[in-house]
Amino acid sequence: MAPSTLTVPEMSCEACRTTIAGALEALPGVVAVGVDLDRRLVLVEHDARLTAPDRLATAVEDQGYELAVRAVP
């Protein structure tokens, strides 16, 4: 499993958390999503062979949120 961290500056409420977590959890290979609203961070544990980190970023952007840094390790 690979951890990826996404910074989502616009994420500020429970609805944001639910929307973003749901979009990420729907991707193949994602096993856990943790959202820290105070720090505006999303930590995703995933199988990079099934879902590349870049796809995680796209899933968040597809929900209408911008990432602080588009490049995801």
N, C-alpha and C. Protein backbone atom coordinates (compact mmCIF):
# COMPACT_ATOMS: atom_id res chain seq x y z
N MET A 1 0.83 -1.18 0.00
CA MET A 1 0.00 0.00 0.00
C MET A 1 0.88 1.25 0.00
N ALA A 2 0.39 2.25 -0.67
CA ALA A 2 1.12 3.51 -0.77
C ALA A 2 0.29 4.63 -0.12
N PRO A 3 0.93 5.49 0.67
CA PRO A 3 0.20 6.64 1.20
C PRO A 3 0.37 7.84 0.28
N SER A 4 -0.70 8.57 0.08
CA SER A 4 -0.64 9.83 -0.65
C SER A 4 -1.35 10.88 0.19
N THR A 5 -0.78 12.08 0.22
CA THR A 5 -1.38 13.18 0.96
C THR A 5 -1.76 14.28 -0.02
N LEU A 6 -2.99 14.73 0.08
CA LEU A 6 -3.51 15.80 -0.76
C LEU A 6 -3.84 17.00 0.12
N THR A 7 -3.47 18.18 -0.31
CA THR A 7 -3.83 19.42 0.39
C THR A 7 -4.95 20.10 -0.39
N VAL A 8 -6.08 20.29 0.27
CA VAL A 8 -7.27 20.85 -0.38
C VAL A 8 -7.67 22.12 0.39
N PRO A 9 -7.14 23.29 -0.01
CA PRO A 9 -7.37 24.53 0.73
C PRO A 9 -8.84 24.92 0.91
N GLU A 10 -9.71 24.55 -0.04
CA GLU A 10 -11.11 24.95 0.02
C GLU A 10 -11.95 24.04 0.91
N MET A 11 -11.41 22.95 1.38
CA MET A 11 -12.15 21.98 2.19
C MET A 11 -12.33 22.55 3.59
N SER A 12 -13.59 22.79 3.99
CA SER A 12 -13.80 23.46 5.27
C SER A 12 -14.97 22.95 6.09
N CYS A 13 -15.73 21.98 5.57
CA CYS A 13 -16.92 21.56 6.30
C CYS A 13 -17.14 20.06 6.17
N GLU A 14 -18.12 19.57 6.90
CA GLU A 14 -18.43 18.14 6.89
C GLU A 14 -18.89 17.69 5.50
N ALA A 15 -19.62 18.54 4.78
CA ALA A 15 -20.05 18.18 3.43
C ALA A 15 -18.85 18.00 2.51
N CYS A 16 -17.84 18.86 2.68
CA CYS A 16 -16.61 18.73 1.89
C CYS A 16 -15.95 17.39 2.19
N ARG A 17 -15.84 17.08 3.47
CA ARG A 17 -15.22 15.82 3.89
C ARG A 17 -15.94 14.62 3.25
N THR A 18 -17.26 14.63 3.33
CA THR A 18 -18.05 13.53 2.81
C THR A 18 -17.90 13.40 1.30
N THR A 19 -17.95 14.51 0.60
CA THR A 19 -17.83 14.50 -0.86
C THR A 19 -16.48 13.98 -1.31
N ILE A 20 -15.42 14.51 -0.72
CA ILE A 20 -14.06 14.13 -1.12
C ILE A 20 -13.77 12.68 -0.74
N ALA A 21 -14.12 12.30 0.47
CA ALA A 21 -13.87 10.91 0.90
C ALA A 21 -14.64 9.93 0.03
N GLY A 22 -15.87 10.25 -0.28
CA GLY A 22 -16.68 9.37 -1.13
C GLY A 22 -16.09 9.19 -2.51
N ALA A 23 -15.61 10.27 -3.10
CA ALA A 23 -15.01 10.19 -4.43
C ALA A 23 -13.75 9.33 -4.42
N LEU A 24 -12.95 9.48 -3.38
CA LEU A 24 -11.71 8.70 -3.28
C LEU A 24 -11.98 7.24 -2.96
N GLU A 25 -12.91 6.98 -2.06
CA GLU A 25 -13.23 5.61 -1.67
C GLU A 25 -13.80 4.81 -2.83
N ALA A 26 -14.37 5.47 -3.83
CA ALA A 26 -14.94 4.79 -4.98
C ALA A 26 -13.88 4.30 -5.97
N LEU A 27 -12.65 4.76 -5.81
CA LEU A 27 -11.58 4.36 -6.73
C LEU A 27 -11.06 2.97 -6.39
N PRO A 28 -10.70 2.19 -7.40
CA PRO A 28 -10.16 0.86 -7.13
C PRO A 28 -8.82 0.95 -6.38
N GLY A 29 -8.64 0.07 -5.42
CA GLY A 29 -7.38 0.02 -4.70
C GLY A 29 -7.28 0.94 -3.50
N VAL A 30 -8.25 1.82 -3.29
CA VAL A 30 -8.24 2.71 -2.13
C VAL A 30 -8.77 1.91 -0.94
N VAL A 31 -7.97 1.84 0.12
CA VAL A 31 -8.36 1.06 1.29
C VAL A 31 -8.72 1.93 2.49
N ALA A 32 -8.24 3.18 2.53
CA ALA A 32 -8.56 4.06 3.65
C ALA A 32 -8.40 5.52 3.22
N VAL A 33 -9.30 6.36 3.72
CA VAL A 33 -9.23 7.80 3.48
C VAL A 33 -9.40 8.49 4.82
N GLY A 34 -8.44 9.34 5.16
CA GLY A 34 -8.53 10.15 6.37
C GLY A 34 -8.54 11.61 6.01
N VAL A 35 -9.47 12.36 6.59
CA VAL A 35 -9.61 13.78 6.27
C VAL A 35 -9.40 14.60 7.55
N ASP A 36 -8.49 15.56 7.46
CA ASP A 36 -8.22 16.49 8.57
C ASP A 36 -8.69 17.87 8.11
N LEU A 37 -9.90 18.25 8.54
CA LEU A 37 -10.47 19.53 8.11
C LEU A 37 -9.65 20.72 8.60
N ASP A 38 -9.14 20.64 9.83
CA ASP A 38 -8.38 21.75 10.38
C ASP A 38 -7.13 22.06 9.56
N ARG A 39 -6.45 21.02 9.13
CA ARG A 39 -5.22 21.21 8.35
C ARG A 39 -5.48 21.15 6.84
N ARG A 40 -6.73 20.83 6.46
CA ARG A 40 -7.14 20.73 5.07
C ARG A 40 -6.32 19.69 4.30
N LEU A 41 -6.11 18.55 4.96
CA LEU A 41 -5.33 17.46 4.38
C LEU A 41 -6.19 16.22 4.22
N VAL A 42 -5.88 15.46 3.17
CA VAL A 42 -6.51 14.17 2.95
C VAL A 42 -5.40 13.15 2.79
N LEU A 43 -5.41 12.12 3.63
CA LEU A 43 -4.44 11.05 3.55
C LEU A 43 -5.15 9.83 2.97
N VAL A 44 -4.58 9.28 1.91
CA VAL A 44 -5.19 8.15 1.22
C VAL A 44 -4.21 6.98 1.21
N GLU A 45 -4.65 5.84 1.71
CA GLU A 45 -3.88 4.60 1.61
C GLU A 45 -4.46 3.85 0.41
N HIS A 46 -3.59 3.53 -0.54
CA HIS A 46 -4.09 2.90 -1.77
C HIS A 46 -3.03 2.01 -2.40
N ASP A 47 -3.49 1.14 -3.26
CA ASP A 47 -2.62 0.30 -4.06
C ASP A 47 -2.31 1.07 -5.33
N ALA A 48 -1.08 1.55 -5.46
CA ALA A 48 -0.70 2.39 -6.61
C ALA A 48 -0.76 1.63 -7.92
N ARG A 49 -0.79 0.30 -7.87
CA ARG A 49 -0.92 -0.48 -9.12
C ARG A 49 -2.33 -0.39 -9.67
N LEU A 50 -3.30 -0.15 -8.79
CA LEU A 50 -4.69 -0.06 -9.22
C LEU A 50 -5.15 1.38 -9.45
N THR A 51 -4.65 2.28 -8.65
CA THR A 51 -4.98 3.70 -8.79
C THR A 51 -3.72 4.52 -8.55
N ALA A 52 -3.24 5.14 -9.61
CA ALA A 52 -2.05 5.98 -9.51
C ALA A 52 -2.37 7.23 -8.69
N PRO A 53 -1.38 7.78 -8.00
CA PRO A 53 -1.59 8.98 -7.20
C PRO A 53 -2.21 10.13 -8.00
N ASP A 54 -1.86 10.23 -9.26
CA ASP A 54 -2.40 11.29 -10.10
C ASP A 54 -3.93 11.17 -10.23
N ARG A 55 -4.43 9.95 -10.23
CA ARG A 55 -5.87 9.72 -10.33
C ARG A 55 -6.59 10.16 -9.06
N LEU A 56 -5.91 10.07 -7.92
CA LEU A 56 -6.49 10.56 -6.67
C LEU A 56 -6.76 12.06 -6.77
N ALA A 57 -5.76 12.78 -7.27
CA ALA A 57 -5.89 14.23 -7.43
C ALA A 57 -7.03 14.56 -8.38
N THR A 58 -7.11 13.83 -9.46
CA THR A 58 -8.17 14.08 -10.44
C THR A 58 -9.55 13.83 -9.83
N ALA A 59 -9.69 12.80 -9.00
CA ALA A 59 -10.97 12.51 -8.37
C ALA A 59 -11.43 13.67 -7.49
N VAL A 60 -10.50 14.29 -6.77
CA VAL A 60 -10.84 15.44 -5.93
C VAL A 60 -11.20 16.64 -6.81
N GLU A 61 -10.41 16.88 -7.83
CA GLU A 61 -10.69 18.00 -8.74
C GLU A 61 -12.02 17.82 -9.46
N ASP A 62 -12.37 16.59 -9.78
CA ASP A 62 -13.66 16.32 -10.43
C ASP A 62 -14.85 16.69 -9.55
N GLN A 63 -14.63 16.79 -8.25
CA GLN A 63 -15.68 17.20 -7.32
C GLN A 63 -15.75 18.72 -7.16
N GLY A 64 -14.87 19.43 -7.88
CA GLY A 64 -14.90 20.89 -7.85
C GLY A 64 -13.91 21.54 -6.90
N TYR A 65 -12.99 20.76 -6.35
CA TYR A 65 -11.99 21.29 -5.43
C TYR A 65 -10.64 21.41 -6.12
N GLU A 66 -9.91 22.45 -5.78
CA GLU A 66 -8.55 22.60 -6.30
C GLU A 66 -7.57 22.13 -5.24
N LEU A 67 -6.47 21.55 -5.69
CA LEU A 67 -5.41 21.14 -4.78
C LEU A 67 -4.39 22.25 -4.67
N ALA A 68 -3.73 22.34 -3.51
CA ALA A 68 -2.70 23.36 -3.31
C ALA A 68 -1.54 23.10 -4.25
N VAL A 69 -1.18 21.83 -4.41
CA VAL A 69 -0.11 21.42 -5.31
C VAL A 69 -0.66 20.26 -6.11
N ARG A 70 -0.64 20.36 -7.42
CA ARG A 70 -1.24 19.33 -8.26
C ARG A 70 -0.41 18.05 -8.28
N ALA A 71 0.91 18.16 -8.18
CA ALA A 71 1.77 16.98 -8.21
C ALA A 71 1.56 16.17 -6.93
N VAL A 72 1.28 14.91 -7.07
CA VAL A 72 1.09 14.02 -5.93
C VAL A 72 2.16 12.96 -5.99
N PRO A 73 2.88 12.72 -4.86
CA PRO A 73 3.95 11.72 -4.88
C PRO A 73 3.41 10.32 -5.10
